[in-house]
PDB file of N, CA and C in Angstrom:
ATOM      1  N   MET A   1     105.441 -11.396  22.549  1.00  0.00           N
ATOM      2  CA  MET A   1     104.005 -11.296  22.546  1.00  0.00           C
ATOM      3  C   MET A   1     103.537 -11.155  23.990  1.00  0.00           C
ATOM      4  N   LEU A   2     102.680 -10.177  24.281  1.00  0.00           N
ATOM      5  CA  LEU A   2     102.161  -9.968  25.615  1.00  0.00           C
ATOM      6  C   LEU A   2     100.804 -10.621  25.730  1.00  0.00           C
ATOM      7  N   SER A   3     100.553 -11.271  26.867  1.00  0.00           N
ATOM      8  CA  SER A   3      99.243 -11.879  27.043  1.00  0.00           C
ATOM      9  C   SER A   3      98.964 -12.076  28.518  1.00  0.00           C
ATOM     10  N   LEU A   4      97.760 -11.806  28.938  1.00  0.00           N
ATOM     11  CA  LEU A   4      97.261 -12.133  30.259  1.00  0.00           C
ATOM     12  C   LEU A   4      96.035 -12.992  30.032  1.00  0.00           C
ATOM     13  N   ALA A   5      95.757 -13.884  30.965  1.00  0.00           N
ATOM     14  CA  ALA A   5      94.622 -14.795  30.795  1.00  0.00           C
ATOM     15  C   ALA A   5      93.367 -14.012  30.431  1.00  0.00           C
ATOM     16  N   GLY A   6      92.732 -14.384  29.336  1.00  0.00           N
ATOM     17  CA  GLY A   6      91.488 -13.761  28.912  1.00  0.00           C
ATOM     18  C   GLY A   6      91.653 -12.446  28.169  1.00  0.00           C
ATOM     19  N   LEU A   7      92.870 -11.943  28.063  1.00  0.00           N
ATOM     20  CA  LEU A   7      93.102 -10.692  27.356  1.00  0.00           C
ATOM     21  C   LEU A   7      93.781 -10.970  26.026  1.00  0.00           C
ATOM     22  N   PRO A   8      93.619 -10.077  25.057  1.00  0.00           N
ATOM     23  CA  PRO A   8      94.221 -10.319  23.740  1.00  0.00           C
ATOM     24  C   PRO A   8      95.734 -10.217  23.774  1.00  0.00           C
ATOM     25  N   ASN A   9      96.377 -10.971  22.899  1.00  0.00           N
ATOM     26  CA  ASN A   9      97.810 -10.813  22.682  1.00  0.00           C
ATOM     27  C   ASN A   9      98.009  -9.551  21.856  1.00  0.00           C
ATOM     28  N   ILE A  10      99.077  -8.845  22.121  1.00  0.00           N
ATOM     29  CA  ILE A  10      99.384  -7.625  21.399  1.00  0.00           C
ATOM     30  C   ILE A  10     100.688  -7.841  20.650  1.00  0.00           C
ATOM     31  N   ILE A  11     100.638  -7.708  19.339  1.00  0.00           N
ATOM     32  CA  ILE A  11     101.827  -7.898  18.519  1.00  0.00           C
ATOM     33  C   ILE A  11     102.141  -6.563  17.850  1.00  0.00           C
ATOM     34  N   PRO A  12     103.152  -5.830  18.348  1.00  0.00           N
ATOM     35  CA  PRO A  12     103.463  -4.565  17.688  1.00  0.00           C
ATOM     36  C   PRO A  12     104.162  -4.787  16.360  1.00  0.00           C
ATOM     37  N   ASP A  13     103.797  -3.978  15.387  1.00  0.00           N
ATOM     38  CA  ASP A  13     104.512  -3.952  14.120  1.00  0.00           C
ATOM     39  C   ASP A  13     105.850  -3.267  14.385  1.00  0.00           C
ATOM     40  N   LYS A  14     106.783  -3.430  13.477  1.00  0.00           N
ATOM     41  CA  LYS A  14     108.089  -2.810  13.667  1.00  0.00           C
ATOM     42  C   LYS A  14     107.964  -1.299  13.769  1.00  0.00           C
ATOM     43  N   LYS A  15     108.683  -0.735  14.736  1.00  0.00           N
ATOM     44  CA  LYS A  15     108.812   0.713  14.819  1.00  0.00           C
ATOM     45  C   LYS A  15     109.846   1.108  13.791  1.00  0.00           C
ATOM     46  N   THR A  16     109.497   1.987  12.907  1.00  0.00           N
ATOM     47  CA  THR A  16     110.452   2.382  11.876  1.00  0.00           C
ATOM     48  C   THR A  16     110.623   3.887  11.876  1.00  0.00           C
ATOM     49  N   LEU A  17     111.781   4.311  11.496  1.00  0.00           N
ATOM     50  CA  LEU A  17     112.050   5.734  11.340  1.00  0.00           C
ATOM     51  C   LEU A  17     112.310   5.982   9.865  1.00  0.00           C
ATOM     52  N   MET A  18     111.353   6.667   9.233  1.00  0.00           N
ATOM     53  CA  MET A  18     111.459   6.940   7.810  1.00  0.00           C
ATOM     54  C   MET A  18     111.211   8.432   7.624  1.00  0.00           C
ATOM     55  N   ASP A  19     112.141   9.118   7.039  1.00  0.00           N
ATOM     56  CA  ASP A  19     112.018  10.569   6.862  1.00  0.00           C
ATOM     57  C   ASP A  19     111.722  11.275   8.181  1.00  0.00           C
ATOM     58  N   ARG A  20     112.380  10.815   9.245  1.00  0.00           N
ATOM     59  CA  ARG A  20     112.254  11.389  10.585  1.00  0.00           C
ATOM     60  C   ARG A  20     110.849  11.259  11.156  1.00  0.00           C
ATOM     61  N   VAL A  21     110.088  10.268  10.715  1.00  0.00           N
ATOM     62  CA  VAL A  21     108.754  10.007  11.246  1.00  0.00           C
ATOM     63  C   VAL A  21     108.716   8.571  11.753  1.00  0.00           C
ATOM     64  N   TYR A  22     108.282   8.399  12.999  1.00  0.00           N
ATOM     65  CA  TYR A  22     108.129   7.063  13.574  1.00  0.00           C
ATOM     66  C   TYR A  22     106.751   6.527  13.215  1.00  0.00           C
ATOM     67  N   ASN A  23     106.677   5.246  12.862  1.00  0.00           N
ATOM     68  CA  ASN A  23     105.423   4.577  12.517  1.00  0.00           C
ATOM     69  C   ASN A  23     105.263   3.358  13.403  1.00  0.00           C
ATOM     70  N   LEU A  24     104.067   3.147  13.949  1.00  0.00           N
ATOM     71  CA  LEU A  24     103.818   1.990  14.794  1.00  0.00           C
ATOM     72  C   LEU A  24     102.359   1.584  14.672  1.00  0.00           C
ATOM     73  N   ALA A  25     102.107   0.285  14.517  1.00  0.00           N
ATOM     74  CA  ALA A  25     100.751  -0.266  14.501  1.00  0.00           C
ATOM     75  C   ALA A  25     100.755  -1.502  15.385  1.00  0.00           C
ATOM     76  N   TYR A  26      99.594  -1.876  15.891  1.00  0.00           N
ATOM     77  CA  TYR A  26      99.467  -3.045  16.757  1.00  0.00           C
ATOM     78  C   TYR A  26      98.490  -4.035  16.144  1.00  0.00           C
ATOM     79  N   GLN A  27      98.773  -5.324  16.311  1.00  0.00           N
ATOM     80  CA  GLN A  27      97.829  -6.365  15.920  1.00  0.00           C
ATOM     81  C   GLN A  27      97.377  -7.061  17.192  1.00  0.00           C
ATOM     82  N   PHE A  28      96.059  -7.244  17.325  1.00  0.00           N
ATOM     83  CA  PHE A  28      95.477  -7.903  18.485  1.00  0.00           C
ATOM     84  C   PHE A  28      94.933  -9.261  18.064  1.00  0.00           C
ATOM     85  N   VAL A  29      95.413 -10.326  18.711  1.00  0.00           N
ATOM     86  CA  VAL A  29      94.958 -11.687  18.432  1.00  0.00           C
ATOM     87  C   VAL A  29      94.687 -12.389  19.755  1.00  0.00           C
ATOM     88  N   ASP A  30      93.830 -13.427  19.710  1.00  0.00           N
ATOM     89  CA  ASP A  30      93.557 -14.193  20.922  1.00  0.00           C
ATOM     90  C   ASP A  30      94.587 -15.309  21.076  1.00  0.00           C
ATOM     91  N   ASP A  31      94.399 -16.146  22.094  1.00  0.00           N
ATOM     92  CA  ASP A  31      95.353 -17.226  22.372  1.00  0.00           C
ATOM     93  C   ASP A  31      95.476 -18.226  21.229  1.00  0.00           C
ATOM     94  N   ASP A  32      94.452 -18.289  20.368  1.00  0.00           N
ATOM     95  CA  ASP A  32      94.479 -19.193  19.212  1.00  0.00           C
ATOM     96  C   ASP A  32      94.968 -18.483  17.952  1.00  0.00           C
ATOM     97  N   GLU A  33      95.526 -17.289  18.121  1.00  0.00           N
ATOM     98  CA  GLU A  33      96.040 -16.478  17.010  1.00  0.00           C
ATOM     99  C   GLU A  33      94.936 -15.960  16.082  1.00  0.00           C
ATOM    100  N   GLU A  34      93.680 -15.962  16.554  1.00  0.00           N
ATOM    101  CA  GLU A  34      92.573 -15.390  15.779  1.00  0.00           C
ATOM    102  C   GLU A  34      92.543 -13.883  16.037  1.00  0.00           C
ATOM    103  N   PRO A  35      92.438 -13.074  14.994  1.00  0.00           N
ATOM    104  CA  PRO A  35      92.469 -11.622  15.189  1.00  0.00           C
ATOM    105  C   PRO A  35      91.192 -11.083  15.835  1.00  0.00           C
ATOM    106  N   TYR A  36      91.360 -10.028  16.603  1.00  0.00           N
ATOM    107  CA  TYR A  36      90.217  -9.276  17.122  1.00  0.00           C
ATOM    108  C   TYR A  36      89.809  -8.307  16.018  1.00  0.00           C
ATOM    109  N   ALA A  37      89.014  -8.806  15.073  1.00  0.00           N
ATOM    110  CA  ALA A  37      88.621  -8.037  13.891  1.00  0.00           C
ATOM    111  C   ALA A  37      87.509  -7.055  14.230  1.00  0.00           C
ATOM    112  N   ASN A  38      87.566  -5.871  13.628  1.00  0.00           N
ATOM    113  CA  ASN A  38      86.522  -4.850  13.760  1.00  0.00           C
ATOM    114  C   ASN A  38      86.166  -4.565  15.214  1.00  0.00           C
ATOM    115  N   THR A  39      87.174  -4.496  16.065  1.00  0.00           N
ATOM    116  CA  THR A  39      86.980  -4.269  17.496  1.00  0.00           C
ATOM    117  C   THR A  39      87.343  -2.825  17.829  1.00  0.00           C
ATOM    118  N   PRO A  40      86.445  -2.109  18.541  1.00  0.00           N
ATOM    119  CA  PRO A  40      86.749  -0.721  18.890  1.00  0.00           C
ATOM    120  C   PRO A  40      87.933  -0.638  19.857  1.00  0.00           C
ATOM    121  N   TYR A  41      88.703   0.428  19.727  1.00  0.00           N
ATOM    122  CA  TYR A  41      89.824   0.652  20.638  1.00  0.00           C
ATOM    123  C   TYR A  41      90.002   2.146  20.882  1.00  0.00           C
ATOM    124  N   THR A  42      90.693   2.437  21.969  1.00  0.00           N
ATOM    125  CA  THR A  42      91.140   3.788  22.273  1.00  0.00           C
ATOM    126  C   THR A  42      92.648   3.739  22.414  1.00  0.00           C
ATOM    127  N   ALA A  43      93.336   4.650  21.762  1.00  0.00           N
ATOM    128  CA  ALA A  43      94.795   4.741  21.849  1.00  0.00           C
ATOM    129  C   ALA A  43      95.152   6.103  22.432  1.00  0.00           C
ATOM    130  N   ILE A  44      96.083   6.096  23.382  1.00  0.00           N
ATOM    131  CA  ILE A  44      96.520   7.335  24.014  1.00  0.00           C
ATOM    132  C   ILE A  44      98.029   7.465  23.848  1.00  0.00           C
ATOM    133  N   ASN A  45      98.444   8.600  23.329  1.00  0.00           N
ATOM    134  CA  ASN A  45      99.867   8.908  23.249  1.00  0.00           C
ATOM    135  C   ASN A  45     100.266   9.397  24.637  1.00  0.00           C
ATOM    136  N   LYS A  46     101.047   8.594  25.365  1.00  0.00           N
ATOM    137  CA  LYS A  46     101.399   8.890  26.749  1.00  0.00           C
ATOM    138  C   LYS A  46     102.327  10.100  26.865  1.00  0.00           C
ATOM    139  N   VAL A  47     102.944  10.504  25.770  1.00  0.00           N
ATOM    140  CA  VAL A  47     103.839  11.664  25.789  1.00  0.00           C
ATOM    141  C   VAL A  47     103.056  12.953  25.557  1.00  0.00           C
ATOM    142  N   THR A  48     102.188  12.960  24.535  1.00  0.00           N
ATOM    143  CA  THR A  48     101.468  14.187  24.167  1.00  0.00           C
ATOM    144  C   THR A  48     100.066  14.269  24.758  1.00  0.00           C
ATOM    145  N   GLY A  49      99.519  13.125  25.206  1.00  0.00           N
ATOM    146  CA  GLY A  49      98.160  13.105  25.731  1.00  0.00           C
ATOM    147  C   GLY A  49      97.091  12.983  24.659  1.00  0.00           C
ATOM    148  N   GLU A  50      97.497  12.958  23.384  1.00  0.00           N
ATOM    149  CA  GLU A  50      96.520  12.813  22.301  1.00  0.00           C
ATOM    150  C   GLU A  50      95.784  11.485  22.430  1.00  0.00           C
ATOM    151  N   GLU A  51      94.480  11.501  22.130  1.00  0.00           N
ATOM    152  CA  GLU A  51      93.662  10.291  22.190  1.00  0.00           C
ATOM    153  C   GLU A  51      93.072  10.022  20.813  1.00  0.00           C
ATOM    154  N   PHE A  52      93.119   8.756  20.416  1.00  0.00           N
ATOM    155  CA  PHE A  52      92.584   8.325  19.126  1.00  0.00           C
ATOM    156  C   PHE A  52      91.585   7.209  19.376  1.00  0.00           C
ATOM    157  N   LYS A  53      90.481   7.218  18.648  1.00  0.00           N
ATOM    158  CA  LYS A  53      89.508   6.126  18.720  1.00  0.00           C
ATOM    159  C   LYS A  53      89.383   5.530  17.331  1.00  0.00           C
ATOM    160  N   GLY A  54      89.221   4.212  17.282  1.00  0.00           N
ATOM    161  CA  GLY A  54      89.089   3.558  15.994  1.00  0.00           C
ATOM    162  C   GLY A  54      88.636   2.128  16.171  1.00  0.00           C
ATOM    163  N   ASN A  55      88.662   1.379  15.094  1.00  0.00           N
ATOM    164  CA  ASN A  55      88.338  -0.046  15.094  1.00  0.00           C
ATOM    165  C   ASN A  55      89.476  -0.791  14.417  1.00  0.00           C
ATOM    166  N   THR A  56      89.788  -1.979  14.931  1.00  0.00           N
ATOM    167  CA  THR A  56      90.793  -2.799  14.268  1.00  0.00           C
ATOM    168  C   THR A  56      90.261  -3.213  12.899  1.00  0.00           C
ATOM    169  N   ASP A  57      91.163  -3.547  11.993  1.00  0.00           N
ATOM    170  CA  ASP A  57      90.734  -4.013  10.674  1.00  0.00           C
ATOM    171  C   ASP A  57      90.399  -5.505  10.733  1.00  0.00           C
ATOM    172  N   LYS A  58      90.139  -6.112   9.584  1.00  0.00           N
ATOM    173  CA  LYS A  58      89.722  -7.521   9.551  1.00  0.00           C
ATOM    174  C   LYS A  58      90.796  -8.467  10.069  1.00  0.00           C
ATOM    175  N   ASP A  59      92.052  -8.010  10.086  1.00  0.00           N
ATOM    176  CA  ASP A  59      93.161  -8.831  10.571  1.00  0.00           C
ATOM    177  C   ASP A  59      93.581  -8.467  11.992  1.00  0.00           C
ATOM    178  N   GLY A  60      92.805  -7.603  12.653  1.00  0.00           N
ATOM    179  CA  GLY A  60      93.086  -7.230  14.037  1.00  0.00           C
ATOM    180  C   GLY A  60      94.090  -6.105  14.211  1.00  0.00           C
ATOM    181  N   TRP A  61      94.434  -5.393  13.135  1.00  0.00           N
ATOM    182  CA  TRP A  61      95.421  -4.319  13.204  1.00  0.00           C
ATOM    183  C   TRP A  61      94.776  -2.987  13.557  1.00  0.00           C
ATOM    184  N   SER A  62      95.475  -2.212  14.392  1.00  0.00           N
ATOM    185  CA  SER A  62      95.079  -0.832  14.663  1.00  0.00           C
ATOM    186  C   SER A  62      95.514   0.038  13.484  1.00  0.00           C
ATOM    187  N   GLU A  63      95.111   1.289  13.534  1.00  0.00           N
ATOM    188  CA  GLU A  63      95.651   2.233  12.556  1.00  0.00           C
ATOM    189  C   GLU A  63      97.146   2.386  12.813  1.00  0.00           C
ATOM    190  N   ARG A  64      97.844   2.981  11.880  1.00  0.00           N
ATOM    191  CA  ARG A  64      99.279   3.232  12.042  1.00  0.00           C
ATOM    192  C   ARG A  64      99.444   4.600  12.696  1.00  0.00           C
ATOM    193  N   PHE A  65     100.162   4.624  13.823  1.00  0.00           N
ATOM    194  CA  PHE A  65     100.405   5.862  14.550  1.00  0.00           C
ATOM    195  C   PHE A  65     101.743   6.435  14.104  1.00  0.00           C
ATOM    196  N   GLN A  66     101.763   7.729  13.820  1.00  0.00           N
ATOM    197  CA  GLN A  66     102.983   8.380  13.343  1.00  0.00           C
ATOM    198  C   GLN A  66     103.324   9.553  14.252  1.00  0.00           C
ATOM    199  N   SER A  67     104.616   9.747  14.449  1.00  0.00           N
ATOM    200  CA  SER A  67     105.089  10.836  15.294  1.00  0.00           C
ATOM    201  C   SER A  67     106.498  11.229  14.867  1.00  0.00           C
ATOM    202  N   ASN A  68     106.890  12.440  15.213  1.00  0.00           N
ATOM    203  CA  ASN A  68     108.254  12.895  14.942  1.00  0.00           C
ATOM    204  C   ASN A  68     109.230  12.434  16.015  1.00  0.00           C
ATOM    205  N   SER A  69     108.707  11.828  17.093  1.00  0.00           N
ATOM    206  CA  SER A  69     109.565  11.318  18.167  1.00  0.00           C
ATOM    207  C   SER A  69     109.086   9.926  18.562  1.00  0.00           C
ATOM    208  N   GLU A  70     109.922   9.212  19.302  1.00  0.00           N
ATOM    209  CA  GLU A  70     109.585   7.847  19.713  1.00  0.00           C
ATOM    210  C   GLU A  70     108.661   7.911  20.927  1.00  0.00           C
ATOM    211  N   ASP A  71     107.356   8.058  20.682  1.00  0.00           N
ATOM    212  CA  ASP A  71     106.371   8.205  21.748  1.00  0.00           C
ATOM    213  C   ASP A  71     105.916   6.852  22.271  1.00  0.00           C
ATOM    214  N   ASP A  72     105.273   6.883  23.436  1.00  0.00           N
ATOM    215  CA  ASP A  72     104.720   5.691  24.071  1.00  0.00           C
ATOM    216  C   ASP A  72     103.215   5.695  23.803  1.00  0.00           C
ATOM    217  N   ILE A  73     102.729   4.711  23.045  1.00  0.00           N
ATOM    218  CA  ILE A  73     101.309   4.622  22.691  1.00  0.00           C
ATOM    219  C   ILE A  73     100.676   3.476  23.467  1.00  0.00           C
ATOM    220  N   GLU A  74      99.588   3.764  24.190  1.00  0.00           N
ATOM    221  CA  GLU A  74      98.842   2.733  24.913  1.00  0.00           C
ATOM    222  C   GLU A  74      97.525   2.512  24.167  1.00  0.00           C
ATOM    223  N   VAL A  75      97.250   1.267  23.806  1.00  0.00           N
ATOM    224  CA  VAL A  75      96.027   0.942  23.072  1.00  0.00           C
ATOM    225  C   VAL A  75      95.198  -0.006  23.930  1.00  0.00           C
ATOM    226  N   VAL A  76      93.913   0.329  24.110  1.00  0.00           N
ATOM    227  CA  VAL A  76      93.010  -0.484  24.914  1.00  0.00           C
ATOM    228  C   VAL A  76      91.825  -0.889  24.045  1.00  0.00           C
ATOM    229  N   LEU A  77      91.588  -2.200  23.932  1.00  0.00           N
ATOM    230  CA  LEU A  77      90.429  -2.694  23.185  1.00  0.00           C
ATOM    231  C   LEU A  77      89.184  -2.611  24.045  1.00  0.00           C
ATOM    232  N   LYS A  78      88.040  -2.347  23.409  1.00  0.00           N
ATOM    233  CA  LYS A  78      86.755  -2.389  24.104  1.00  0.00           C
ATOM    234  C   LYS A  78      86.115  -3.728  23.740  1.00  0.00           C
ATOM    235  N   LEU A  79      86.206  -4.681  24.671  1.00  0.00           N
ATOM    236  CA  LEU A  79      85.699  -6.029  24.428  1.00  0.00           C
ATOM    237  C   LEU A  79      84.323  -6.197  25.050  1.00  0.00           C
ATOM    238  N   ASP A  80      83.453  -6.989  24.398  1.00  0.00           N
ATOM    239  CA  ASP A  80      82.087  -7.186  24.877  1.00  0.00           C
ATOM    240  C   ASP A  80      82.053  -7.682  26.310  1.00  0.00           C
ATOM    241  N   TRP A  81      82.921  -8.634  26.661  1.00  0.00           N
ATOM    242  CA  TRP A  81      82.876  -9.194  28.009  1.00  0.00           C
ATOM    243  C   TRP A  81      83.275  -8.168  29.057  1.00  0.00           C
ATOM    244  N   GLN A  82      84.050  -7.147  28.696  1.00  0.00           N
ATOM    245  CA  GLN A  82      84.387  -6.093  29.648  1.00  0.00           C
ATOM    246  C   GLN A  82      83.143  -5.289  29.990  1.00  0.00           C
ATOM    247  N   SER A  83      82.313  -4.985  29.013  1.00  0.00           N
ATOM    248  CA  SER A  83      81.077  -4.247  29.247  1.00  0.00           C
ATOM    249  C   SER A  83      80.140  -5.044  30.130  1.00  0.00           C
ATOM    250  N   ASP A  84      80.045  -6.363  29.894  1.00  0.00           N
ATOM    251  CA  ASP A  84      79.193  -7.221  30.710  1.00  0.00           C
ATOM    252  C   ASP A  84      79.651  -7.207  32.159  1.00  0.00           C
ATOM    253  N   ASN A  85      80.954  -7.266  32.404  1.00  0.00           N
ATOM    254  CA  ASN A  85      81.483  -7.239  33.764  1.00  0.00           C
ATOM    255  C   ASN A  85      81.199  -5.909  34.443  1.00  0.00           C
ATOM    256  N   GLU A  86      81.285  -4.816  33.710  1.00  0.00           N
ATOM    257  CA  GLU A  86      81.021  -3.501  34.277  1.00  0.00           C
ATOM    258  C   GLU A  86      79.557  -3.380  34.699  1.00  0.00           C
ATOM    259  N   ARG A  87      78.633  -3.938  33.912  1.00  0.00           N
ATOM    260  CA  ARG A  87      77.204  -3.858  34.241  1.00  0.00           C
ATOM    261  C   ARG A  87      76.865  -4.670  35.477  1.00  0.00           C
ATOM    262  N   SER A  88      77.625  -5.736  35.758  1.00  0.00           N
ATOM    263  CA  SER A  88      77.287  -6.602  36.887  1.00  0.00           C
ATOM    264  C   SER A  88      77.811  -6.057  38.212  1.00  0.00           C
ATOM    265  N   LYS A  89      78.577  -4.963  38.184  1.00  0.00           N
ATOM    266  CA  LYS A  89      79.118  -4.388  39.430  1.00  0.00           C
ATOM    267  C   LYS A  89      78.084  -3.557  40.125  1.00  0.00           C
TER     268      LYS A  89
END
């Protein structure tokens, strides 16, 4: 589990190869294991450059990303406190 002070923990679902398609989803939870439910995020496929926008579900899960190769997906949550910090600069 990855965590930095004040940032969500990221729990990746298992990467699986089924019918030559890789599947990966992420769950975002806080230090108390509470999910970041209905939170906007941006995901970028670092290999192809594709960008996806969405919201986590009620359990803090991102959508499931699928690819024909084992790509590197970076997911960034848009948290309210980040917007507040940006406005104060």
